[in-house]
Amino acid sequence: MKLRLKGDTIRLRLTQGEVARLMAEGCVEESTRVGSSALRYGLRRDPDLTVLEADFRDGCIEVRVPAAQASRWGESGEEGIREAVRSRDGSVTKVLIEKDFACLKPRGGEDEDCFPNPAGACASFLSKSEPE
């Protein structure tokens, strides 16, 4: 799972295997070591929620998504879930949960478990249909 932070936006990108694990096990977690500490982050399906929630506690970013919404996203061609989450203190965090698509141009070190890029089929069709 990839994590991107920018301002008040959290973006999680999941490979095919991670989406399958979220559907089967209910959660996906990762961590990034920074010196002697670790930043942990995770995505969890929650059957008790009706709206997406995000929190940061004890060095962990946790995003919880209603189980029905996660299932609909994970089992369909839907690319992502986008929500603005309002905290108890009134602050707003934008959360994006996305399927990780393969790059159109291969790059070394990229995950091989990415979803097929929907633009890839269009790009290949367009390149074949252009007059020579």
C-alpha atoms as a PDB file:
ATOM      1  CA  MET A   1       0.000   0.000   0.000  1.00  0.00           C
ATOM      2  CA  LYS A   2       1.356   3.366  -0.950  1.00  0.00           C
ATOM      3  CA  LEU A   3       0.807   6.420   1.223  1.00  0.00           C
ATOM      4  CA  ARG A   4       0.912   9.965  -0.072  1.00  0.00           C
ATOM      5  CA  LEU A   5       0.485  12.955   2.206  1.00  0.00           C
ATOM      6  CA  LYS A   6       0.064  16.504   0.988  1.00  0.00           C
ATOM      7  CA  GLY A   7      -1.343  19.224   3.180  1.00  0.00           C
ATOM      8  CA  ASP A   8      -4.571  17.918   4.655  1.00  0.00           C
ATOM      9  CA  THR A   9      -4.936  15.089   2.136  1.00  0.00           C
ATOM     10  CA  ILE A  10      -4.243  11.395   2.737  1.00  0.00           C
ATOM     11  CA  ARG A  11      -4.031   9.163  -0.329  1.00  0.00           C
ATOM     12  CA  LEU A  12      -3.802   5.373  -0.079  1.00  0.00           C
ATOM     13  CA  ARG A  13      -3.129   3.298  -3.217  1.00  0.00           C
ATOM     14  CA  LEU A  14      -3.641  -0.460  -3.041  1.00  0.00           C
ATOM     15  CA  THR A  15      -2.415  -3.216  -5.350  1.00  0.00           C
ATOM     16  CA  GLN A  16      -4.667  -6.088  -6.447  1.00  0.00           C
ATOM     17  CA  GLY A  17      -3.348  -8.307  -3.656  1.00  0.00           C
ATOM     18  CA  GLU A  18      -3.938  -5.639  -1.033  1.00  0.00           C
ATOM     19  CA  VAL A  19      -7.521  -5.079  -2.206  1.00  0.00           C
ATOM     20  CA  ALA A  20      -8.078  -8.855  -2.058  1.00  0.00           C
ATOM     21  CA  ARG A  21      -6.635  -8.927   1.485  1.00  0.00           C
ATOM     22  CA  LEU A  22      -8.865  -6.004   2.525  1.00  0.00           C
ATOM     23  CA  MET A  23     -11.896  -7.921   1.210  1.00  0.00           C
ATOM     24  CA  ALA A  24     -10.872 -11.238   2.831  1.00  0.00           C
ATOM     25  CA  GLU A  25      -9.280 -10.119   6.109  1.00  0.00           C
ATOM     26  CA  GLY A  26     -10.806  -6.695   6.668  1.00  0.00           C
ATOM     27  CA  CYS A  27      -7.579  -4.704   6.918  1.00  0.00           C
ATOM     28  CA  VAL A  28      -4.304  -3.799   5.268  1.00  0.00           C
ATOM     29  CA  GLU A  29      -1.433  -2.256   7.240  1.00  0.00           C
ATOM     30  CA  GLU A  30       2.052  -0.967   6.449  1.00  0.00           C
ATOM     31  CA  SER A  31       4.808   0.916   8.228  1.00  0.00           C
ATOM     32  CA  THR A  32       7.706   3.128   7.274  1.00  0.00           C
ATOM     33  CA  ARG A  33      10.756   3.351   9.487  1.00  0.00           C
ATOM     34  CA  VAL A  34      12.061   6.822  10.214  1.00  0.00           C
ATOM     35  CA  GLY A  35      15.187   6.559  12.334  1.00  0.00           C
ATOM     36  CA  SER A  36      14.356   4.487  15.383  1.00  0.00           C
ATOM     37  CA  SER A  37      10.603   5.039  15.040  1.00  0.00           C
ATOM     38  CA  ALA A  38       7.966   3.888  12.597  1.00  0.00           C
ATOM     39  CA  LEU A  39       5.018   5.605  11.000  1.00  0.00           C
ATOM     40  CA  ARG A  40       2.246   3.041  10.725  1.00  0.00           C
ATOM     41  CA  TYR A  41      -0.756   3.361   8.446  1.00  0.00           C
ATOM     42  CA  GLY A  42      -3.692   1.148   7.674  1.00  0.00           C
ATOM     43  CA  LEU A  43      -7.035   0.762   6.006  1.00  0.00           C
ATOM     44  CA  ARG A  44      -9.797  -1.162   7.736  1.00  0.00           C
ATOM     45  CA  ARG A  45     -13.298  -2.264   6.669  1.00  0.00           C
ATOM     46  CA  ASP A  46     -15.720  -1.566   9.497  1.00  0.00           C
ATOM     47  CA  PRO A  47     -19.232  -3.069   9.475  1.00  0.00           C
ATOM     48  CA  ASP A  48     -20.364  -0.621  12.186  1.00  0.00           C
ATOM     49  CA  LEU A  49     -19.600   2.570  10.211  1.00  0.00           C
ATOM     50  CA  THR A  50     -21.901   4.507   7.926  1.00  0.00           C
ATOM     51  CA  VAL A  51     -19.315   7.122   6.896  1.00  0.00           C
ATOM     52  CA  LEU A  52     -15.566   6.966   6.309  1.00  0.00           C
ATOM     53  CA  GLU A  53     -13.373   7.949   9.284  1.00  0.00           C
ATOM     54  CA  ALA A  54      -9.688   8.785   9.621  1.00  0.00           C
ATOM     55  CA  ASP A  55      -7.593   9.247  12.733  1.00  0.00           C
ATOM     56  CA  PHE A  56      -3.987   9.592  13.852  1.00  0.00           C
ATOM     57  CA  ARG A  57      -3.100   8.026  17.198  1.00  0.00           C
ATOM     58  CA  ASP A  58       0.075   6.602  18.695  1.00  0.00           C
ATOM     59  CA  GLY A  59       2.076   7.086  15.483  1.00  0.00           C
ATOM     60  CA  CYS A  60      -0.567   5.399  13.315  1.00  0.00           C
ATOM     61  CA  ILE A  61      -2.784   6.799  10.573  1.00  0.00           C
ATOM     62  CA  GLU A  62      -5.913   4.674  10.491  1.00  0.00           C
ATOM     63  CA  VAL A  63      -8.563   5.015   7.811  1.00  0.00           C
ATOM     64  CA  ARG A  64     -11.801   3.128   8.415  1.00  0.00           C
ATOM     65  CA  VAL A  65     -14.301   2.669   5.614  1.00  0.00           C
ATOM     66  CA  PRO A  66     -17.854   1.303   5.913  1.00  0.00           C
ATOM     67  CA  ALA A  67     -17.770  -2.386   4.962  1.00  0.00           C
ATOM     68  CA  ALA A  68     -20.492  -2.055   2.305  1.00  0.00           C
ATOM     69  CA  GLN A  69     -18.682   0.860   0.643  1.00  0.00           C
ATOM     70  CA  ALA A  70     -15.347  -1.020   0.712  1.00  0.00           C
ATOM     71  CA  SER A  71     -16.934  -4.138  -0.795  1.00  0.00           C
ATOM     72  CA  ARG A  72     -18.635  -2.157  -3.550  1.00  0.00           C
ATOM     73  CA  TRP A  73     -15.321  -0.469  -4.427  1.00  0.00           C
ATOM     74  CA  GLY A  74     -13.170  -3.594  -4.155  1.00  0.00           C
ATOM     75  CA  GLU A  75     -15.438  -5.827  -6.204  1.00  0.00           C
ATOM     76  CA  SER A  76     -16.156  -3.364  -9.020  1.00  0.00           C
ATOM     77  CA  GLY A  77     -14.312  -1.357 -11.625  1.00  0.00           C
ATOM     78  CA  GLU A  78     -14.712   1.708  -9.406  1.00  0.00           C
ATOM     79  CA  GLU A  79     -11.298   3.403  -9.230  1.00  0.00           C
ATOM     80  CA  GLY A  80     -11.477   5.072  -5.867  1.00  0.00           C
ATOM     81  CA  ILE A  81     -13.256   6.404  -2.825  1.00  0.00           C
ATOM     82  CA  ARG A  82     -13.004  10.113  -2.065  1.00  0.00           C
ATOM     83  CA  GLU A  83     -14.321  11.621   1.148  1.00  0.00           C
ATOM     84  CA  ALA A  84     -13.850  14.760   3.198  1.00  0.00           C
ATOM     85  CA  VAL A  85     -13.617  13.677   6.839  1.00  0.00           C
ATOM     86  CA  ARG A  86     -14.538  16.209   9.526  1.00  0.00           C
ATOM     87  CA  SER A  87     -12.839  15.681  12.887  1.00  0.00           C
ATOM     88  CA  ARG A  88     -14.331  16.437  16.288  1.00  0.00           C
ATOM     89  CA  ASP A  89     -12.317  19.671  16.380  1.00  0.00           C
ATOM     90  CA  GLY A  90     -13.886  20.793  13.067  1.00  0.00           C
ATOM     91  CA  SER A  91     -10.809  20.264  10.883  1.00  0.00           C
ATOM     92  CA  VAL A  92     -11.277  18.536   7.525  1.00  0.00           C
ATOM     93  CA  THR A  93      -9.016  15.871   6.028  1.00  0.00           C
ATOM     94  CA  LYS A  94      -9.507  14.743   2.451  1.00  0.00           C
ATOM     95  CA  VAL A  95      -9.098  10.974   2.083  1.00  0.00           C
ATOM     96  CA  LEU A  96      -8.567   9.184  -1.224  1.00  0.00           C
ATOM     97  CA  ILE A  97      -8.464   5.388  -1.415  1.00  0.00           C
ATOM     98  CA  GLU A  98      -7.457   4.230  -4.872  1.00  0.00           C
ATOM     99  CA  LYS A  99      -6.587   1.131  -6.830  1.00  0.00           C
ATOM    100  CA  ASP A 100      -2.918   1.292  -7.831  1.00  0.00           C
ATOM    101  CA  PHE A 101      -2.745   1.192 -11.634  1.00  0.00           C
ATOM    102  CA  ALA A 102       0.279   0.098 -13.610  1.00  0.00           C
ATOM    103  CA  CYS A 103       2.259   2.902 -15.230  1.00  0.00           C
ATOM    104  CA  LEU A 104       1.779   3.282 -18.971  1.00  0.00           C
ATOM    105  CA  LYS A 105       5.553   3.353 -19.392  1.00  0.00           C
ATOM    106  CA  PRO A 106       7.299   0.628 -17.372  1.00  0.00           C
ATOM    107  CA  ARG A 107       9.665   1.855 -14.658  1.00  0.00           C
ATOM    108  CA  GLY A 108      12.116  -0.234 -12.692  1.00  0.00           C
ATOM    109  CA  GLY A 109      11.203  -1.052  -9.119  1.00  0.00           C
ATOM    110  CA  GLU A 110       7.442  -0.637  -9.574  1.00  0.00           C
ATOM    111  CA  ASP A 111       4.988  -3.128  -8.118  1.00  0.00           C
ATOM    112  CA  GLU A 112       4.004  -5.887 -10.504  1.00  0.00           C
ATOM    113  CA  ASP A 113       0.701  -6.507  -8.706  1.00  0.00           C
ATOM    114  CA  CYS A 114      -0.893  -3.267  -9.938  1.00  0.00           C
ATOM    115  CA  PHE A 115      -4.284  -3.123 -11.591  1.00  0.00           C
ATOM    116  CA  PRO A 116      -4.206  -2.891 -15.400  1.00  0.00           C
ATOM    117  CA  ASN A 117      -4.220   0.774 -16.343  1.00  0.00           C
ATOM    118  CA  PRO A 118      -7.568   1.622 -17.975  1.00  0.00           C
ATOM    119  CA  ALA A 119      -5.807   4.233 -20.116  1.00  0.00           C
ATOM    120  CA  GLY A 120      -3.467   1.520 -21.413  1.00  0.00           C
ATOM    121  CA  ALA A 121      -6.183  -0.111 -23.533  1.00  0.00           C
ATOM    122  CA  CYS A 122      -7.185   3.274 -24.946  1.00  0.00           C
ATOM    123  CA  ALA A 123      -3.587   4.292 -25.633  1.00  0.00           C
ATOM    124  CA  SER A 124      -2.838   1.030 -27.409  1.00  0.00           C
ATOM    125  CA  PHE A 125      -6.072   1.258 -29.431  1.00  0.00           C
ATOM    126  CA  LEU A 126      -5.333   4.858 -30.399  1.00  0.00           C
ATOM    127  CA  SER A 127      -1.787   4.098 -31.457  1.00  0.00           C
ATOM    128  CA  LYS A 128      -2.978   1.233 -33.684  1.00  0.00           C
ATOM    129  CA  SER A 129      -5.788   3.250 -35.246  1.00  0.00           C
ATOM    130  CA  GLU A 130      -3.683   6.269 -36.171  1.00  0.00           C
ATOM    131  CA  PRO A 131      -2.865   6.511 -39.859  1.00  0.00           C
ATOM    132  CA  GLU A 132       0.738   5.665 -40.690  1.00  0.00           C
END
